[in-house]
Amino acid sequence: MSEMRNGVDGRDDGWDHGVAGRPAPPNGEIWGHAPGSEEQIRFLHGPEARTTEFFRLLRIMAEFIRGFRRLHFVGPCVTVFGSARFEEDHRYYAMGREVGARLARHGFTVMTGGGPGIMEAANRGARDVGGRSIGCNIVLPVEQRPNPYLDDFITFRYFFVRKVMLVKYSYAFVALPGGFGTMDEVFETATLVQTGKILDFPLVLMGLDYWAPLMEFIRSRMIPEKTINPEDLTRMILTDDPDEAAHCVRQCAIDHFGLSYTPPVKKRWLLGER
């Protein structure tokens, strides 16, 4: 979940910001104080006033607490990743809808990023069969509206908080084709499993033709160069069959992690739970 900062707005502009004896950046800008920037962008600009950073930490902490309390009762989840750009008539949308339905039939809550495209498809599939459907939405410069197939959703300001929530409550992860965001989620999940930061949860990739070049790169370049171990690749399960994907998730959750179906935990109004 790391970010690289280079210059005032992330570009290599040749200025050594904030260092005594060096030339000031153009237009009177000061490192960490870019005029007119949004809160989420300013977060990565470097040191600001102590009080500013203290209150920012409080906002981040409040966002984590809000997410933990809101999602505490969602039940065992499977998170589905995928592009927001696929329309309803696309074959990957249909695939996402089918796998959402299969997961819900096995008793899992289907969790997504809450937006359109694959996220909508998976949530819609869960809703089709009476399953539970949850969204972790994100505030973006171009507004991403929650899709209409959510039983509940929560909107986050910070990507890193949202990504924690998408991982924290899930027993497995299903990734359909997507762009930079999906790739980020897939490789971050794989890294967390590889390094033991989370348990060996299944990571299912659907859309074999889409993922094939990436898998070939991993197989032919990363493994021979020893940047990963051969067993790291085996952690990824590739299939185009929604039934196979859902069965694999259920079998792993029950046999490997001992998941059992028990009555839901009761909410306590004294703790502000609803």
C-alpha atoms as a PDB file:
ATOM      1  CA  MET A   1       0.000   0.000   0.000  1.00  0.00           C
ATOM      2  CA  SER A   2       2.912   2.256  -0.530  1.00  0.00           C
ATOM      3  CA  GLU A   3       3.045   5.376  -2.646  1.00  0.00           C
ATOM      4  CA  MET A   4       6.058   7.011  -4.284  1.00  0.00           C
ATOM      5  CA  ARG A   5       6.424  10.744  -3.911  1.00  0.00           C
ATOM      6  CA  ASN A   6       8.713  12.703  -6.241  1.00  0.00           C
ATOM      7  CA  GLY A   7       8.420  16.464  -6.281  1.00  0.00           C
ATOM      8  CA  VAL A   8       5.373  18.491  -5.296  1.00  0.00           C
ATOM      9  CA  ASP A   9       2.782  16.621  -7.360  1.00  0.00           C
ATOM     10  CA  GLY A  10       4.486  13.282  -7.934  1.00  0.00           C
ATOM     11  CA  ARG A  11       6.597  14.338 -10.952  1.00  0.00           C
ATOM     12  CA  ASP A  12      10.349  14.631 -11.162  1.00  0.00           C
ATOM     13  CA  ASP A  13      10.494  18.398 -11.623  1.00  0.00           C
ATOM     14  CA  GLY A  14      14.182  18.858 -10.763  1.00  0.00           C
ATOM     15  CA  TRP A  15      13.579  20.767  -7.542  1.00  0.00           C
ATOM     16  CA  ASP A  16      14.923  19.675  -4.190  1.00  0.00           C
ATOM     17  CA  HIS A  17      11.893  20.711  -2.156  1.00  0.00           C
ATOM     18  CA  GLY A  18      12.288  21.993   1.367  1.00  0.00           C
ATOM     19  CA  VAL A  19      16.090  21.663   1.538  1.00  0.00           C
ATOM     20  CA  ALA A  20      17.958  24.699   2.800  1.00  0.00           C
ATOM     21  CA  GLY A  21      20.297  26.344   0.324  1.00  0.00           C
ATOM     22  CA  ARG A  22      18.550  24.905  -2.717  1.00  0.00           C
ATOM     23  CA  PRO A  23      16.468  26.920  -5.190  1.00  0.00           C
ATOM     24  CA  ALA A  24      12.812  27.385  -4.366  1.00  0.00           C
ATOM     25  CA  PRO A  25      10.317  25.516  -6.542  1.00  0.00           C
ATOM     26  CA  PRO A  26       8.549  27.434  -9.310  1.00  0.00           C
ATOM     27  CA  ASN A  27       5.483  29.614  -8.680  1.00  0.00           C
ATOM     28  CA  GLY A  28       6.296  29.953  -5.004  1.00  0.00           C
ATOM     29  CA  GLU A  29       5.118  26.432  -4.158  1.00  0.00           C
ATOM     30  CA  ILE A  30       6.365  24.887  -0.919  1.00  0.00           C
ATOM     31  CA  TRP A  31       6.845  21.174  -0.400  1.00  0.00           C
ATOM     32  CA  GLY A  32       3.679  19.785   1.151  1.00  0.00           C
ATOM     33  CA  HIS A  33       1.547  22.846   0.345  1.00  0.00           C
ATOM     34  CA  ALA A  34       0.279  22.523  -3.205  1.00  0.00           C
ATOM     35  CA  PRO A  35      -2.348  25.206  -3.858  1.00  0.00           C
ATOM     36  CA  GLY A  36      -5.867  23.933  -4.373  1.00  0.00           C
ATOM     37  CA  SER A  37      -5.065  20.242  -3.868  1.00  0.00           C
ATOM     38  CA  GLU A  38      -7.612  17.834  -2.434  1.00  0.00           C
ATOM     39  CA  GLU A  39      -7.186  16.327   1.019  1.00  0.00           C
ATOM     40  CA  GLN A  40      -6.348  12.887  -0.347  1.00  0.00           C
ATOM     41  CA  ILE A  41      -3.666  14.342  -2.638  1.00  0.00           C
ATOM     42  CA  ARG A  42      -2.168  16.604   0.024  1.00  0.00           C
ATOM     43  CA  PHE A  43      -1.771  13.558   2.259  1.00  0.00           C
ATOM     44  CA  LEU A  44       1.170  12.429   0.081  1.00  0.00           C
ATOM     45  CA  HIS A  45       2.892  15.800  -0.271  1.00  0.00           C
ATOM     46  CA  GLY A  46       5.112  15.503   2.752  1.00  0.00           C
ATOM     47  CA  PRO A  47       5.219  17.180   6.181  1.00  0.00           C
ATOM     48  CA  GLU A  48       2.607  19.788   7.038  1.00  0.00           C
ATOM     49  CA  ALA A  49       1.790  21.636  10.226  1.00  0.00           C
ATOM     50  CA  ARG A  50       1.674  19.360  13.272  1.00  0.00           C
ATOM     51  CA  THR A  51      -1.945  20.227  14.001  1.00  0.00           C
ATOM     52  CA  THR A  52      -2.939  19.542  10.385  1.00  0.00           C
ATOM     53  CA  GLU A  53      -1.346  16.114  10.492  1.00  0.00           C
ATOM     54  CA  PHE A  54      -2.788  15.335  13.912  1.00  0.00           C
ATOM     55  CA  PHE A  55      -6.346  16.030  12.756  1.00  0.00           C
ATOM     56  CA  ARG A  56      -5.700  14.085   9.559  1.00  0.00           C
ATOM     57  CA  LEU A  57      -4.699  11.086  11.660  1.00  0.00           C
ATOM     58  CA  LEU A  58      -7.926  11.457  13.627  1.00  0.00           C
ATOM     59  CA  ARG A  59      -9.922  11.448  10.361  1.00  0.00           C
ATOM     60  CA  ILE A  60      -8.106   8.319   9.187  1.00  0.00           C
ATOM     61  CA  MET A  61      -8.678   6.623  12.543  1.00  0.00           C
ATOM     62  CA  ALA A  62     -12.355   7.591  12.452  1.00  0.00           C
ATOM     63  CA  GLU A  63     -12.663   6.118   8.963  1.00  0.00           C
ATOM     64  CA  PHE A  64     -11.159   2.830  10.139  1.00  0.00           C
ATOM     65  CA  ILE A  65     -13.456   2.717  13.170  1.00  0.00           C
ATOM     66  CA  ARG A  66     -16.510   3.485  11.030  1.00  0.00           C
ATOM     67  CA  GLY A  67     -15.555   0.717   8.627  1.00  0.00           C
ATOM     68  CA  PHE A  68     -14.913  -1.827  11.402  1.00  0.00           C
ATOM     69  CA  ARG A  69     -18.224  -1.145  13.124  1.00  0.00           C
ATOM     70  CA  ARG A  70     -20.267  -1.028   9.911  1.00  0.00           C
ATOM     71  CA  LEU A  71     -18.825  -4.258   8.505  1.00  0.00           C
ATOM     72  CA  HIS A  72     -18.551  -6.216  11.751  1.00  0.00           C
ATOM     73  CA  PHE A  73     -21.788  -8.111  11.089  1.00  0.00           C
ATOM     74  CA  VAL A  74     -21.596  -8.741   7.346  1.00  0.00           C
ATOM     75  CA  GLY A  75     -20.750 -12.424   7.832  1.00  0.00           C
ATOM     76  CA  PRO A  76     -18.101 -14.452   5.981  1.00  0.00           C
ATOM     77  CA  CYS A  77     -17.377 -12.565   2.755  1.00  0.00           C
ATOM     78  CA  VAL A  78     -15.798 -13.199  -0.597  1.00  0.00           C
ATOM     79  CA  THR A  79     -14.423 -10.081  -2.263  1.00  0.00           C
ATOM     80  CA  VAL A  80     -14.850  -9.781  -6.021  1.00  0.00           C
ATOM     81  CA  PHE A  81     -12.478  -7.469  -7.908  1.00  0.00           C
ATOM     82  CA  GLY A  82     -12.878  -6.265 -11.479  1.00  0.00           C
ATOM     83  CA  SER A  83     -13.224  -3.331 -13.834  1.00  0.00           C
ATOM     84  CA  ALA A  84     -15.920  -0.689 -13.456  1.00  0.00           C
ATOM     85  CA  ARG A  85     -16.009  -0.207 -17.251  1.00  0.00           C
ATOM     86  CA  PHE A  86     -17.814  -3.319 -18.477  1.00  0.00           C
ATOM     87  CA  GLU A  87     -21.432  -2.797 -19.516  1.00  0.00           C
ATOM     88  CA  GLU A  88     -24.309  -5.154 -18.851  1.00  0.00           C
ATOM     89  CA  ASP A  89     -24.060  -6.811 -22.271  1.00  0.00           C
ATOM     90  CA  HIS A  90     -20.366  -7.771 -21.861  1.00  0.00           C
ATOM     91  CA  ARG A  91     -19.438 -11.414 -21.326  1.00  0.00           C
ATOM     92  CA  TYR A  92     -17.318 -10.544 -18.301  1.00  0.00           C
ATOM     93  CA  TYR A  93     -20.319  -8.828 -16.709  1.00  0.00           C
ATOM     94  CA  ALA A  94     -22.315 -12.031 -17.210  1.00  0.00           C
ATOM     95  CA  MET A  95     -19.460 -14.049 -15.693  1.00  0.00           C
ATOM     96  CA  GLY A  96     -19.311 -11.740 -12.676  1.00  0.00           C
ATOM     97  CA  ARG A  97     -23.050 -12.004 -12.151  1.00  0.00           C
ATOM     98  CA  GLU A  98     -22.923 -15.792 -12.278  1.00  0.00           C
ATOM     99  CA  VAL A  99     -20.064 -16.127  -9.822  1.00  0.00           C
ATOM    100  CA  GLY A 100     -21.785 -13.673  -7.455  1.00  0.00           C
ATOM    101  CA  ALA A 101     -24.880 -15.877  -7.489  1.00  0.00           C
ATOM    102  CA  ARG A 102     -22.878 -19.071  -6.916  1.00  0.00           C
ATOM    103  CA  LEU A 103     -20.991 -17.564  -3.984  1.00  0.00           C
ATOM    104  CA  ALA A 104     -24.211 -16.329  -2.390  1.00  0.00           C
ATOM    105  CA  ARG A 105     -25.795 -19.782  -2.742  1.00  0.00           C
ATOM    106  CA  HIS A 106     -22.896 -21.180  -0.711  1.00  0.00           C
ATOM    107  CA  GLY A 107     -23.726 -18.740   2.083  1.00  0.00           C
ATOM    108  CA  PHE A 108     -21.075 -16.085   1.471  1.00  0.00           C
ATOM    109  CA  THR A 109     -21.671 -12.354   1.523  1.00  0.00           C
ATOM    110  CA  VAL A 110     -20.479 -10.900  -1.772  1.00  0.00           C
ATOM    111  CA  MET A 111     -18.314  -7.839  -1.163  1.00  0.00           C
ATOM    112  CA  THR A 112     -17.110  -5.509  -3.928  1.00  0.00           C
ATOM    113  CA  GLY A 113     -15.869  -1.974  -4.400  1.00  0.00           C
ATOM    114  CA  GLY A 114     -19.528  -1.024  -4.753  1.00  0.00           C
ATOM    115  CA  GLY A 115     -19.299   0.615  -8.180  1.00  0.00           C
ATOM    116  CA  PRO A 116     -20.483  -0.317 -11.678  1.00  0.00           C
ATOM    117  CA  GLY A 117     -19.165  -2.951 -14.099  1.00  0.00           C
ATOM    118  CA  ILE A 118     -17.894  -6.193 -12.581  1.00  0.00           C
ATOM    119  CA  MET A 119     -18.643  -4.902  -9.097  1.00  0.00           C
ATOM    120  CA  GLU A 120     -22.273  -4.313  -9.989  1.00  0.00           C
ATOM    121  CA  ALA A 121     -22.463  -7.692 -11.725  1.00  0.00           C
ATOM    122  CA  ALA A 122     -21.242  -9.629  -8.675  1.00  0.00           C
ATOM    123  CA  ASN A 123     -23.523  -7.723  -6.314  1.00  0.00           C
ATOM    124  CA  ARG A 124     -26.414  -8.236  -8.703  1.00  0.00           C
ATOM    125  CA  GLY A 125     -25.766 -11.972  -8.877  1.00  0.00           C
ATOM    126  CA  ALA A 126     -25.897 -12.218  -5.091  1.00  0.00           C
ATOM    127  CA  ARG A 127     -29.130 -10.238  -5.037  1.00  0.00           C
ATOM    128  CA  ASP A 128     -30.619 -12.495  -7.750  1.00  0.00           C
ATOM    129  CA  VAL A 129     -30.558 -15.491  -5.403  1.00  0.00           C
ATOM    130  CA  GLY A 130     -31.435 -13.675  -2.186  1.00  0.00           C
ATOM    131  CA  GLY A 131     -27.852 -13.479  -0.942  1.00  0.00           C
ATOM    132  CA  ARG A 132     -26.223 -10.603   0.872  1.00  0.00           C
ATOM    133  CA  SER A 133     -24.434  -7.909  -1.109  1.00  0.00           C
ATOM    134  CA  ILE A 134     -22.034  -5.308   0.362  1.00  0.00           C
ATOM    135  CA  GLY A 135     -20.086  -2.446  -1.231  1.00  0.00           C
ATOM    136  CA  CYS A 136     -16.996  -0.539  -0.089  1.00  0.00           C
ATOM    137  CA  ASN A 137     -17.215   2.538  -2.261  1.00  0.00           C
ATOM    138  CA  ILE A 138     -14.556   5.240  -2.765  1.00  0.00           C
ATOM    139  CA  VAL A 139     -14.729   8.985  -3.276  1.00  0.00           C
ATOM    140  CA  LEU A 140     -13.160   9.781  -6.673  1.00  0.00           C
ATOM    141  CA  PRO A 141     -12.689  13.021  -8.661  1.00  0.00           C
ATOM    142  CA  VAL A 142     -15.207  11.603 -11.128  1.00  0.00           C
ATOM    143  CA  GLU A 143     -17.946  10.446  -8.792  1.00  0.00           C
ATOM    144  CA  GLN A 144     -18.392   6.694  -8.490  1.00  0.00           C
ATOM    145  CA  ARG A 145     -21.978   6.071  -7.455  1.00  0.00           C
ATOM    146  CA  PRO A 146     -22.851   2.908  -5.494  1.00  0.00           C
ATOM    147  CA  ASN A 147     -24.580   0.392  -7.714  1.00  0.00           C
ATOM    148  CA  PRO A 148     -28.285  -0.362  -7.080  1.00  0.00           C
ATOM    149  CA  TYR A 149     -27.764  -3.993  -5.997  1.00  0.00           C
ATOM    150  CA  LEU A 150     -26.263  -3.353  -2.577  1.00  0.00           C
ATOM    151  CA  ASP A 151     -27.907  -4.280   0.714  1.00  0.00           C
ATOM    152  CA  ASP A 152     -25.493  -1.937   2.438  1.00  0.00           C
ATOM    153  CA  PHE A 153     -22.468   0.143   1.500  1.00  0.00           C
ATOM    154  CA  ILE A 154     -19.915   2.402   3.085  1.00  0.00           C
ATOM    155  CA  THR A 155     -17.986   5.140   1.298  1.00  0.00           C
ATOM    156  CA  PHE A 156     -14.325   5.803   2.084  1.00  0.00           C
ATOM    157  CA  ARG A 157     -12.083   8.776   1.378  1.00  0.00           C
ATOM    158  CA  TYR A 158      -8.779   6.917   1.455  1.00  0.00           C
ATOM    159  CA  PHE A 159      -7.911   4.061  -0.881  1.00  0.00           C
ATOM    160  CA  PHE A 160      -5.694   2.350   1.695  1.00  0.00           C
ATOM    161  CA  VAL A 161      -8.520   2.236   4.262  1.00  0.00           C
ATOM    162  CA  ARG A 162     -10.890   0.815   1.667  1.00  0.00           C
ATOM    163  CA  LYS A 163      -8.374  -1.867   0.639  1.00  0.00           C
ATOM    164  CA  VAL A 164      -7.985  -2.984   4.247  1.00  0.00           C
ATOM    165  CA  MET A 165     -11.767  -3.436   4.495  1.00  0.00           C
ATOM    166  CA  LEU A 166     -11.951  -5.416   1.254  1.00  0.00           C
ATOM    167  CA  VAL A 167      -9.365  -7.848   2.655  1.00  0.00           C
ATOM    168  CA  LYS A 168     -10.213  -7.956   6.371  1.00  0.00           C
ATOM    169  CA  TYR A 169     -13.631  -9.628   6.151  1.00  0.00           C
ATOM    170  CA  SER A 170     -13.062 -12.091   3.298  1.00  0.00           C
ATOM    171  CA  TYR A 171     -12.225 -15.793   3.145  1.00  0.00           C
ATOM    172  CA  ALA A 172     -11.363 -15.640  -0.559  1.00  0.00           C
ATOM    173  CA  PHE A 173     -10.843 -13.251  -3.457  1.00  0.00           C
ATOM    174  CA  VAL A 174     -12.152 -13.532  -6.999  1.00  0.00           C
ATOM    175  CA  ALA A 175     -10.650 -11.285  -9.679  1.00  0.00           C
ATOM    176  CA  LEU A 176     -12.209 -10.757 -13.078  1.00  0.00           C
ATOM    177  CA  PRO A 177     -10.576  -8.658 -15.813  1.00  0.00           C
ATOM    178  CA  GLY A 178      -9.787  -5.084 -14.870  1.00  0.00           C
ATOM    179  CA  GLY A 179      -7.326  -2.231 -15.114  1.00  0.00           C
ATOM    180  CA  PHE A 180      -4.717  -0.686 -12.825  1.00  0.00           C
ATOM    181  CA  GLY A 181      -6.970  -0.847  -9.767  1.00  0.00           C
ATOM    182  CA  THR A 182      -7.739  -4.523 -10.254  1.00  0.00           C
ATOM    183  CA  MET A 183      -4.067  -5.336 -10.870  1.00  0.00           C
ATOM    184  CA  ASP A 184      -3.176  -3.466  -7.698  1.00  0.00           C
ATOM    185  CA  GLU A 185      -5.743  -5.448  -5.704  1.00  0.00           C
ATOM    186  CA  VAL A 186      -4.677  -8.791  -7.182  1.00  0.00           C
ATOM    187  CA  PHE A 187      -0.970  -8.308  -6.562  1.00  0.00           C
ATOM    188  CA  GLU A 188      -1.444  -6.756  -3.149  1.00  0.00           C
ATOM    189  CA  THR A 189      -3.581  -9.714  -2.088  1.00  0.00           C
ATOM    190  CA  ALA A 190      -1.004 -12.124  -3.523  1.00  0.00           C
ATOM    191  CA  THR A 191       1.764 -10.264  -1.671  1.00  0.00           C
ATOM    192  CA  LEU A 192      -0.114 -10.394   1.641  1.00  0.00           C
ATOM    193  CA  VAL A 193      -0.573 -14.157   1.262  1.00  0.00           C
ATOM    194  CA  GLN A 194       3.024 -14.670   0.078  1.00  0.00           C
ATOM    195  CA  THR A 195       4.453 -12.796   3.082  1.00  0.00           C
ATOM    196  CA  GLY A 196       2.102 -14.389   5.606  1.00  0.00           C
ATOM    197  CA  LYS A 197       0.371 -11.133   6.488  1.00  0.00           C
ATOM    198  CA  ILE A 198      -2.934 -12.858   5.778  1.00  0.00           C
ATOM    199  CA  LEU A 199      -3.711 -16.570   5.705  1.00  0.00           C
ATOM    200  CA  ASP A 200      -3.478 -18.648   2.548  1.00  0.00           C
ATOM    201  CA  PHE A 201      -6.883 -17.580   1.253  1.00  0.00           C
ATOM    202  CA  PRO A 202      -7.822 -18.587  -2.306  1.00  0.00           C
ATOM    203  CA  LEU A 203      -7.184 -16.059  -5.063  1.00  0.00           C
ATOM    204  CA  VAL A 204      -9.286 -17.022  -8.080  1.00  0.00           C
ATOM    205  CA  LEU A 205      -8.671 -15.400 -11.470  1.00  0.00           C
ATOM    206  CA  MET A 206     -11.569 -15.600 -13.937  1.00  0.00           C
ATOM    207  CA  GLY A 207     -11.279 -14.721 -17.614  1.00  0.00           C
ATOM    208  CA  LEU A 208      -8.562 -17.092 -18.785  1.00  0.00           C
ATOM    209  CA  ASP A 209      -7.920 -15.353 -22.095  1.00  0.00           C
ATOM    210  CA  TYR A 210      -7.442 -12.017 -20.308  1.00  0.00           C
ATOM    211  CA  TRP A 211      -5.051 -13.306 -17.647  1.00  0.00           C
ATOM    212  CA  ALA A 212      -3.077 -15.692 -19.901  1.00  0.00           C
ATOM    213  CA  PRO A 213      -0.354 -13.167 -20.982  1.00  0.00           C
ATOM    214  CA  LEU A 214       0.179 -12.095 -17.368  1.00  0.00           C
ATOM    215  CA  MET A 215       0.449 -15.697 -16.191  1.00  0.00           C
ATOM    216  CA  GLU A 216       2.923 -16.421 -18.983  1.00  0.00           C
ATOM    217  CA  PHE A 217       5.041 -13.426 -17.911  1.00  0.00           C
ATOM    218  CA  ILE A 218       5.056 -14.669 -14.324  1.00  0.00           C
ATOM    219  CA  ARG A 219       5.902 -18.194 -15.447  1.00  0.00           C
ATOM    220  CA  SER A 220       8.562 -17.319 -18.022  1.00  0.00           C
ATOM    221  CA  ARG A 221      10.198 -14.278 -16.411  1.00  0.00           C
ATOM    222  CA  MET A 222       9.527 -13.916 -12.698  1.00  0.00           C
ATOM    223  CA  ILE A 223      10.076 -17.550 -11.729  1.00  0.00           C
ATOM    224  CA  PRO A 224      13.273 -18.052 -13.823  1.00  0.00           C
ATOM    225  CA  GLU A 225      14.666 -14.770 -12.481  1.00  0.00           C
ATOM    226  CA  LYS A 226      13.757 -15.994  -8.956  1.00  0.00           C
ATOM    227  CA  THR A 227      11.869 -12.821  -8.083  1.00  0.00           C
ATOM    228  CA  ILE A 228       9.121 -15.150  -6.826  1.00  0.00           C
ATOM    229  CA  ASN A 229       9.070 -18.822  -5.867  1.00  0.00           C
ATOM    230  CA  PRO A 230       7.289 -21.377  -8.072  1.00  0.00           C
ATOM    231  CA  GLU A 231       4.753 -22.071  -5.311  1.00  0.00           C
ATOM    232  CA  ASP A 232       3.688 -18.405  -5.388  1.00  0.00           C
ATOM    233  CA  LEU A 233       2.118 -18.997  -8.786  1.00  0.00           C
ATOM    234  CA  THR A 234       0.227 -22.040  -7.571  1.00  0.00           C
ATOM    235  CA  ARG A 235      -1.630 -19.842  -5.090  1.00  0.00           C
ATOM    236  CA  MET A 236      -3.570 -18.385  -8.009  1.00  0.00           C
ATOM    237  CA  ILE A 237      -6.470 -20.505  -9.246  1.00  0.00           C
ATOM    238  CA  LEU A 238      -7.508 -19.945 -12.869  1.00  0.00           C
ATOM    239  CA  THR A 239     -10.960 -20.892 -14.106  1.00  0.00           C
ATOM    240  CA  ASP A 240     -13.811 -19.631 -16.257  1.00  0.00           C
ATOM    241  CA  ASP A 241     -16.371 -21.815 -14.483  1.00  0.00           C
ATOM    242  CA  PRO A 242     -18.374 -19.950 -11.804  1.00  0.00           C
ATOM    243  CA  ASP A 243     -19.370 -23.247 -10.172  1.00  0.00           C
ATOM    244  CA  GLU A 244     -15.746 -24.344  -9.920  1.00  0.00           C
ATOM    245  CA  ALA A 245     -14.729 -20.977  -8.479  1.00  0.00           C
ATOM    246  CA  ALA A 246     -17.470 -21.009  -5.835  1.00  0.00           C
ATOM    247  CA  HIS A 247     -16.851 -24.666  -4.939  1.00  0.00           C
ATOM    248  CA  CYS A 248     -13.133 -24.009  -4.516  1.00  0.00           C
ATOM    249  CA  VAL A 249     -13.855 -21.065  -2.223  1.00  0.00           C
ATOM    250  CA  ARG A 250     -16.348 -23.009  -0.118  1.00  0.00           C
ATOM    251  CA  GLN A 251     -14.130 -26.075   0.164  1.00  0.00           C
ATOM    252  CA  CYS A 252     -11.130 -24.038   1.244  1.00  0.00           C
ATOM    253  CA  ALA A 253     -13.114 -21.960   3.749  1.00  0.00           C
ATOM    254  CA  ILE A 254     -14.654 -25.026   5.406  1.00  0.00           C
ATOM    255  CA  ASP A 255     -11.903 -27.649   5.102  1.00  0.00           C
ATOM    256  CA  HIS A 256      -8.852 -25.441   5.493  1.00  0.00           C
ATOM    257  CA  PHE A 257     -10.068 -22.653   7.781  1.00  0.00           C
ATOM    258  CA  GLY A 258     -12.861 -24.435   9.643  1.00  0.00           C
ATOM    259  CA  LEU A 259     -15.623 -22.026   8.705  1.00  0.00           C
ATOM    260  CA  SER A 260     -18.965 -23.165  10.104  1.00  0.00           C
ATOM    261  CA  TYR A 261     -22.441 -21.776   9.711  1.00  0.00           C
ATOM    262  CA  THR A 262     -23.654 -20.452  13.054  1.00  0.00           C
ATOM    263  CA  PRO A 263     -26.337 -17.960  14.121  1.00  0.00           C
ATOM    264  CA  PRO A 264     -25.242 -14.346  13.510  1.00  0.00           C
ATOM    265  CA  VAL A 265     -23.833 -12.319  16.371  1.00  0.00           C
ATOM    266  CA  LYS A 266     -26.457 -10.062  17.887  1.00  0.00           C
ATOM    267  CA  LYS A 267     -25.963  -6.337  17.587  1.00  0.00           C
ATOM    268  CA  ARG A 268     -25.815  -4.201  20.722  1.00  0.00           C
ATOM    269  CA  TRP A 269     -27.425  -0.814  20.538  1.00  0.00           C
ATOM    270  CA  LEU A 270     -25.354   0.381  23.501  1.00  0.00           C
ATOM    271  CA  LEU A 271     -22.281   0.096  21.274  1.00  0.00           C
ATOM    272  CA  GLY A 272     -23.934   2.030  18.463  1.00  0.00           C
ATOM    273  CA  GLU A 273     -24.365  -1.090  16.351  1.00  0.00           C
ATOM    274  CA  ARG A 274     -27.157  -1.248  13.841  1.00  0.00           C
END
